[in-house]
Amino acid sequence: MTSKVFWGINSLRSSPEVVGNPTLILIGDSWFWYPFNNLASELAAQLNGEHKLLVLGNNGAEAQDWNKKYRNEIGLAFEWYASTASALLLSGGGNDIAGPEDFDPIIEDDCSKAREVSQCYSPGQPEAILSNVKTAYQVVIGKFRKYNAAAPVICHNYEKAWPTGKGLFGPADWLKVPMDDGKVPKGLRHDLFVDLIDRLYEKQRELAKPSAGLGKIIPLQTAGTLPDKEDIWANELHLKPEAFDKMVKLAWLPALKKIGIS
């Protein structure tokens, strides 16, 4: 038996041979959608059973897009499939803090004199942007809970990326370019991104507290799962295929197994 990935609700609805509803609903960005390898494809390949994975969102999606750009598709998917899903998987926040439009406001215009990461942040940042990301999580999880009060929600905080400027088919402006613009000292650049995803994980942990009222939330601290080296990265924001493979084996499969999915 093999698991199958359906990229978007139309892909699933246009497959008349499919029997049964999706086991897993995934909402997110390129870590679920990246064309050369991604977490969704690796999960489908490595899960033992015959699972159906419905993936929503797209490359470049921000967490804040879940309740705007992708609101209708997610709403329909929840209405039709959430009640029978075994888990909801979320990958969001990375694009909210990458690229000049999002990254520039996070850091000062001139960080050249900074000696530690905290000195690079603009007033009120990164708390402001990460609070918006947390709200996006709260809203989409709340919508899921209207149909499914029990299924766990699993999220992650990526991995410790290196601002190299390397993109998909050439240069990218995700991390290095805005750090160049902000004159972030080279010795702080990797640590700055690591600090951001550590803070993202803390926001995810807040969502998992009983007081949040969102049910069972499982935040995976995936950052630090793999060796902290540049050579595991295909570009600034995406792992090489073998690294995605290891990430699923070491972080995602154990988490899914604990909730009875294998």
Protein backbone atom coordinates (compact mmCIF):
# COMPACT_ATOMS: atom_id res chain seq x y z
CA MET A 1 0.00 0.00 0.00
CA THR A 2 1.23 3.48 -0.83
CA SER A 3 0.09 6.89 0.28
CA LYS A 4 -0.96 9.54 -2.23
CA VAL A 5 -0.66 13.31 -2.28
CA PHE A 6 -3.38 15.54 -3.73
CA TRP A 7 -2.16 19.04 -4.53
CA GLY A 8 -5.19 21.23 -3.90
CA ILE A 9 -8.85 20.46 -3.49
CA ASN A 10 -9.48 20.29 -7.26
CA SER A 11 -6.90 17.53 -7.60
CA LEU A 12 -8.78 15.42 -5.09
CA ARG A 13 -12.25 16.24 -6.37
CA SER A 14 -11.28 15.41 -9.96
CA SER A 15 -10.07 11.92 -9.06
CA PRO A 16 -13.24 9.77 -9.22
CA GLU A 17 -11.25 6.63 -8.46
CA VAL A 18 -10.36 7.91 -4.99
CA VAL A 19 -12.25 6.14 -2.22
CA GLY A 20 -12.49 7.70 1.22
CA ASN A 21 -11.53 11.06 2.63
CA PRO A 22 -8.03 12.42 3.26
CA THR A 23 -6.29 11.04 6.31
CA LEU A 24 -4.13 14.14 6.64
CA ILE A 25 -4.88 17.74 5.69
CA LEU A 26 -1.76 19.85 5.15
CA ILE A 27 -1.82 23.63 4.86
CA GLY A 28 1.30 25.53 4.11
CA ASP A 29 4.09 26.88 2.02
CA SER A 30 6.92 25.49 -0.09
CA TRP A 31 8.02 23.10 2.64
CA PHE A 32 4.88 21.21 1.59
CA TRP A 33 4.89 22.36 -2.06
CA TYR A 34 8.54 22.78 -3.18
CA PRO A 35 8.65 21.07 -6.62
CA PHE A 36 11.91 19.16 -6.23
CA ASN A 37 11.17 17.58 -2.86
CA ASN A 38 9.14 18.53 0.17
CA LEU A 39 7.74 17.28 3.45
CA ALA A 40 4.40 16.24 1.94
CA SER A 41 5.99 14.02 -0.71
CA GLU A 42 8.37 12.51 1.82
CA LEU A 43 5.56 11.80 4.25
CA ALA A 44 3.57 10.06 1.54
CA ALA A 45 6.61 8.00 0.59
CA GLN A 46 7.53 7.01 4.14
CA LEU A 47 4.18 6.40 5.82
CA ASN A 48 3.43 2.68 6.00
CA GLY A 49 -0.31 2.77 5.38
CA GLU A 50 -2.45 3.86 2.48
CA HIS A 51 -2.99 7.49 3.42
CA LYS A 52 -4.43 10.34 1.41
CA LEU A 53 -2.73 13.67 1.93
CA LEU A 54 -4.63 16.79 0.85
CA VAL A 55 -2.23 19.71 0.53
CA LEU A 56 -3.55 23.30 0.54
CA GLY A 57 -1.70 26.60 0.13
CA ASN A 58 1.16 26.98 -2.33
CA ASN A 59 4.78 27.95 -2.82
CA GLY A 60 5.37 31.35 -1.28
CA ALA A 61 2.26 31.23 0.93
CA GLU A 62 2.41 33.20 4.14
CA ALA A 63 0.61 32.04 7.26
CA GLN A 64 -1.42 35.23 7.02
CA ASP A 65 -2.61 34.13 3.56
CA TRP A 66 -4.46 31.15 5.04
CA ASN A 67 -7.30 33.40 6.12
CA LYS A 68 -7.17 35.67 3.07
CA LYS A 69 -5.91 34.33 -0.26
CA TYR A 70 -6.62 30.66 0.55
CA ARG A 71 -9.62 31.23 2.78
CA ASN A 72 -12.26 29.80 0.43
CA GLU A 73 -10.36 26.64 -0.50
CA ILE A 74 -9.46 25.93 3.11
CA GLY A 75 -13.04 26.56 4.18
CA LEU A 76 -14.40 24.08 1.65
CA ALA A 77 -11.75 21.50 2.52
CA PHE A 78 -12.66 21.73 6.19
CA GLU A 79 -16.37 21.55 5.46
CA TRP A 80 -15.94 18.43 3.34
CA TYR A 81 -13.04 16.60 4.96
CA ALA A 82 -12.04 17.96 8.38
CA SER A 83 -14.46 15.84 10.42
CA THR A 84 -12.81 12.60 9.30
CA ALA A 85 -9.17 13.76 9.19
CA SER A 86 -6.72 12.12 11.56
CA ALA A 87 -4.56 15.24 11.82
CA LEU A 88 -4.02 18.75 10.48
CA LEU A 89 -0.43 19.64 9.56
CA LEU A 90 0.65 23.28 9.28
CA SER A 91 3.75 24.82 7.73
CA GLY A 92 3.63 28.58 8.06
CA GLY A 93 5.60 31.61 9.15
CA GLY A 94 8.73 31.20 7.05
CA ASN A 95 7.54 33.40 4.21
CA ASP A 96 6.14 35.94 6.67
CA ILE A 97 9.73 36.70 7.69
CA ALA A 98 11.49 36.33 4.33
CA GLY A 99 11.93 38.65 1.36
CA PRO A 100 12.44 42.44 1.40
CA GLU A 101 8.75 43.29 1.85
CA ASP A 102 8.49 41.27 5.07
CA PHE A 103 12.07 41.19 6.31
CA ASP A 104 12.99 44.88 5.91
CA PRO A 105 10.52 46.08 8.58
CA ILE A 106 11.86 43.52 11.05
CA ILE A 107 15.39 44.93 11.15
CA GLU A 108 16.86 48.40 11.48
CA ASP A 109 17.86 50.27 8.34
CA ASP A 110 21.50 50.18 9.44
CA CYS A 111 22.59 47.28 11.65
CA SER A 112 26.28 47.69 10.86
CA LYS A 113 27.19 48.49 14.47
CA ALA A 114 25.22 45.62 15.98
CA ARG A 115 27.18 43.17 18.10
CA GLU A 116 24.28 40.87 18.93
CA VAL A 117 21.10 39.82 17.19
CA SER A 118 18.75 41.78 19.42
CA GLN A 119 20.42 45.02 18.35
CA CYS A 120 19.35 44.43 14.73
CA TYR A 121 15.62 44.42 15.37
CA SER A 122 13.41 47.44 14.75
CA PRO A 123 11.33 48.66 17.72
CA GLY A 124 8.50 46.24 18.43
CA GLN A 125 10.00 43.57 16.20
CA PRO A 126 10.02 40.66 15.70
CA GLU A 127 7.16 40.42 18.20
CA ALA A 128 4.76 42.29 15.91
CA ILE A 129 5.17 40.06 12.86
CA LEU A 130 5.27 36.84 14.89
CA SER A 131 2.11 37.85 16.75
CA ASN A 132 0.40 38.20 13.35
CA VAL A 133 1.63 34.73 12.43
CA LYS A 134 0.32 33.34 15.72
CA THR A 135 -3.07 34.92 15.05
CA ALA A 136 -3.15 33.30 11.60
CA TYR A 137 -2.54 29.93 13.25
CA GLN A 138 -5.26 30.59 15.82
CA VAL A 139 -7.83 31.48 13.20
CA VAL A 140 -7.23 28.51 10.90
CA ILE A 141 -7.06 26.04 13.80
CA GLY A 142 -10.27 27.51 15.18
CA LYS A 143 -11.99 26.90 11.84
CA PHE A 144 -10.71 23.31 11.82
CA ARG A 145 -12.01 22.77 15.35
CA LYS A 146 -15.55 23.63 14.25
CA TYR A 147 -15.55 20.30 12.39
CA ASN A 148 -13.02 18.26 14.35
CA ALA A 149 -12.45 18.81 18.06
CA ALA A 150 -10.14 15.87 18.64
CA ALA A 151 -7.61 15.48 15.80
CA PRO A 152 -4.12 16.75 16.66
CA VAL A 153 -2.65 19.76 14.87
CA ILE A 154 1.06 19.46 14.13
CA CYS A 155 3.29 22.41 13.20
CA HIS A 156 7.03 22.97 12.87
CA ASN A 157 9.67 25.71 12.87
CA TYR A 158 11.71 24.76 9.79
CA GLU A 159 15.50 24.44 10.08
CA LYS A 160 18.48 26.73 10.59
CA ALA A 161 18.84 28.31 7.15
CA TRP A 162 21.92 30.15 5.90
CA PRO A 163 21.49 33.54 4.14
CA THR A 164 23.54 32.66 1.05
CA GLY A 165 21.51 34.50 -1.58
CA LYS A 166 21.02 31.28 -3.52
CA GLY A 167 17.56 30.77 -5.04
CA LEU A 168 15.71 28.19 -7.06
CA PHE A 169 17.24 28.96 -10.46
CA GLY A 170 19.70 31.69 -9.52
CA PRO A 171 19.89 34.48 -6.95
CA ALA A 172 17.06 34.97 -4.45
CA ASP A 173 16.05 37.92 -2.27
CA TRP A 174 14.65 35.92 0.64
CA LEU A 175 17.33 36.44 3.31
CA LYS A 176 20.71 37.70 2.11
CA VAL A 177 19.38 40.64 0.07
CA PRO A 178 17.36 42.24 2.91
CA MET A 179 20.25 41.58 5.28
CA ASP A 180 22.60 43.27 2.82
CA ASP A 181 20.20 46.21 2.63
CA GLY A 182 20.10 46.42 6.42
CA LYS A 183 23.88 46.11 6.70
CA VAL A 184 23.59 43.15 9.07
CA PRO A 185 27.10 42.01 10.03
CA LYS A 186 27.88 38.72 8.32
CA GLY A 187 28.69 37.07 11.62
CA LEU A 188 25.14 37.69 12.88
CA ARG A 189 23.13 36.70 9.81
CA HIS A 190 22.73 32.99 10.42
CA ASP A 191 22.08 33.59 14.12
CA LEU A 192 19.46 36.21 13.31
CA PHE A 193 17.40 33.79 11.25
CA VAL A 194 17.84 31.07 13.88
CA ASP A 195 16.57 33.50 16.51
CA LEU A 196 13.48 34.23 14.40
CA ILE A 197 12.53 30.58 14.00
CA ASP A 198 13.23 29.93 17.68
CA ARG A 199 10.76 32.71 18.47
CA LEU A 200 8.29 31.20 15.98
CA TYR A 201 8.50 27.93 17.91
CA GLU A 202 7.73 29.78 21.15
CA LYS A 203 4.59 31.22 19.55
CA GLN A 204 3.61 27.70 18.50
CA ARG A 205 4.18 26.48 22.05
CA GLU A 206 1.83 29.18 23.30
CA LEU A 207 -0.84 27.81 20.97
CA ALA A 208 -0.38 24.38 22.55
CA LYS A 209 -1.15 25.57 26.08
CA PRO A 210 -4.54 24.44 27.44
CA SER A 211 -5.38 28.08 28.10
CA ALA A 212 -5.29 28.74 24.33
CA GLY A 213 -8.40 26.58 23.98
CA LEU A 214 -7.33 25.09 20.64
CA GLY A 215 -7.26 21.42 21.58
CA LYS A 216 -4.28 19.16 21.02
CA ILE A 217 -1.49 21.11 19.31
CA ILE A 218 1.90 19.48 18.72
CA PRO A 219 4.66 22.00 17.98
CA LEU A 220 7.74 20.30 16.54
CA GLN A 221 11.05 22.02 17.23
CA THR A 222 12.46 20.78 13.95
CA ALA A 223 15.18 23.45 13.88
CA GLY A 224 18.27 21.61 15.08
CA THR A 225 17.14 18.20 13.83
CA LEU A 226 19.75 18.21 11.06
CA PRO A 227 23.44 19.22 11.08
CA ASP A 228 23.82 22.98 11.12
CA LYS A 229 25.74 23.12 7.84
CA GLU A 230 25.25 24.98 4.58
CA ASP A 231 25.66 21.84 2.47
CA ILE A 232 22.26 20.40 3.49
CA TRP A 233 20.54 23.33 1.75
CA ALA A 234 19.53 23.48 -1.90
CA ASN A 235 19.11 27.25 -1.53
CA GLU A 236 18.36 29.85 1.15
CA LEU A 237 15.05 28.35 2.27
CA HIS A 238 14.82 24.77 1.00
CA LEU A 239 16.63 21.62 2.00
CA LYS A 240 18.17 19.16 -0.41
CA PRO A 241 16.08 16.01 -1.04
CA GLU A 242 18.15 13.84 1.28
CA ALA A 243 17.76 16.43 4.04
CA PHE A 244 13.97 16.58 3.64
CA ASP A 245 14.06 12.76 3.81
CA LYS A 246 15.97 12.85 7.10
CA MET A 247 13.73 15.58 8.50
CA VAL A 248 10.67 13.40 7.98
CA LYS A 249 12.37 10.31 9.42
CA LEU A 250 13.73 12.07 12.49
CA ALA A 251 10.96 14.55 13.36
CA TRP A 252 7.66 14.03 11.56
CA LEU A 253 7.25 10.25 11.50
CA PRO A 254 7.92 9.85 15.25
CA ALA A 255 5.36 12.58 16.00
CA LEU A 256 2.77 10.95 13.76
CA LYS A 257 3.46 7.53 15.22
CA LYS A 258 2.76 8.86 18.72
CA ILE A 259 -0.75 9.82 17.65
CA GLY A 260 -1.37 6.49 15.91
CA ILE A 261 -0.52 7.41 12.32
CA SER A 262 2.08 5.24 10.58
